[in-house]
């Protein structure tokens, strides 16, 4: 699925985009460059959220807020392969 977004840019931002697109750069078009920037930003935000969840989990463990696990880790990994 594709969607279009129109942006108004300052001359400085447009020059930055143009300097990073075209011959001799990693990106053939401004769209490729902007999509990559957005993907990188999303990955950074996802990493921040994951780090916070890990820290929250450590705090729960420190405070004794745990639940015993009596299942099989192998079965758990098969049921949730992304973990």
Protein backbone atom coordinates (compact mmCIF):
# COMPACT_ATOMS: atom_id res chain seq x y z
CA UNK A 1 0.00 0.00 0.00
CA UNK A 2 1.35 3.40 -0.92
CA UNK A 3 0.41 6.84 0.28
CA UNK A 4 1.49 10.33 -0.70
CA UNK A 5 2.52 13.10 1.66
CA UNK A 6 3.20 16.64 0.51
CA UNK A 7 5.69 18.66 2.55
CA UNK A 8 6.69 22.29 2.70
CA UNK A 9 10.43 22.62 3.29
CA UNK A 10 12.76 25.46 4.04
CA UNK A 11 15.41 26.15 1.41
CA UNK A 12 18.02 24.75 3.80
CA UNK A 13 16.18 21.44 4.22
CA UNK A 14 15.57 21.13 0.49
CA UNK A 15 19.27 21.71 -0.18
CA UNK A 16 20.12 19.02 2.40
CA UNK A 17 17.82 16.53 0.68
CA UNK A 18 19.17 17.41 -2.76
CA UNK A 19 22.75 16.98 -1.52
CA UNK A 20 21.91 13.43 -0.40
CA UNK A 21 20.11 12.28 -3.55
CA UNK A 22 21.11 11.60 -7.11
CA UNK A 23 24.41 10.72 -8.75
CA UNK A 24 27.18 9.78 -6.35
CA UNK A 25 24.85 9.25 -3.37
CA UNK A 26 23.12 6.27 -1.79
CA UNK A 27 19.67 7.45 -2.89
CA UNK A 28 18.35 7.85 -6.41
CA UNK A 29 15.41 10.03 -5.38
CA UNK A 30 14.38 12.34 -2.54
CA UNK A 31 11.58 9.88 -1.71
CA UNK A 32 14.08 7.08 -1.09
CA UNK A 33 16.13 9.36 1.19
CA UNK A 34 13.11 10.54 3.21
CA UNK A 35 11.75 6.99 3.57
CA UNK A 36 15.12 5.83 4.91
CA UNK A 37 15.24 8.71 7.39
CA UNK A 38 11.74 7.84 8.61
CA UNK A 39 12.58 4.14 8.95
CA UNK A 40 15.69 4.98 10.96
CA UNK A 41 13.71 7.31 13.24
CA UNK A 42 11.07 4.61 13.79
CA UNK A 43 13.77 2.05 14.65
CA UNK A 44 15.29 4.50 17.17
CA UNK A 45 11.93 5.06 18.83
CA UNK A 46 11.22 1.32 18.90
CA UNK A 47 14.62 0.74 20.55
CA UNK A 48 13.85 3.37 23.20
CA UNK A 49 10.53 1.67 23.95
CA UNK A 50 12.17 -1.76 24.19
CA UNK A 51 14.90 -0.44 26.50
CA UNK A 52 12.28 1.13 28.75
CA UNK A 53 10.29 -2.12 28.87
CA UNK A 54 13.45 -3.99 29.87
CA UNK A 55 14.20 -1.45 32.60
CA UNK A 56 10.61 -1.68 33.81
CA UNK A 57 10.99 -5.47 33.95
CA UNK A 58 14.18 -5.15 36.00
CA UNK A 59 12.42 -2.81 38.41
CA UNK A 60 9.56 -5.29 38.73
CA UNK A 61 12.05 -8.05 39.56
CA UNK A 62 13.86 -5.85 42.09
CA UNK A 63 10.53 -5.02 43.76
CA UNK A 64 9.56 -8.69 43.85
CA UNK A 65 6.77 -8.29 41.32
CA UNK A 66 7.37 -11.59 39.52
CA UNK A 67 5.32 -14.56 38.42
CA UNK A 68 6.77 -18.07 38.49
CA UNK A 69 7.12 -19.66 35.06
CA UNK A 70 6.45 -23.38 35.01
CA UNK A 71 6.17 -23.94 31.28
CA UNK A 72 8.67 -24.94 28.65
CA UNK A 73 10.88 -22.25 27.14
CA UNK A 74 11.14 -24.34 23.97
CA UNK A 75 7.35 -24.40 23.64
CA UNK A 76 7.18 -20.69 24.39
CA UNK A 77 9.72 -19.91 21.65
CA UNK A 78 7.81 -22.04 19.16
CA UNK A 79 4.56 -20.25 20.00
CA UNK A 80 6.22 -16.81 19.85
CA UNK A 81 9.09 -17.07 17.34
CA UNK A 82 9.70 -13.31 17.37
CA UNK A 83 10.99 -13.52 20.98
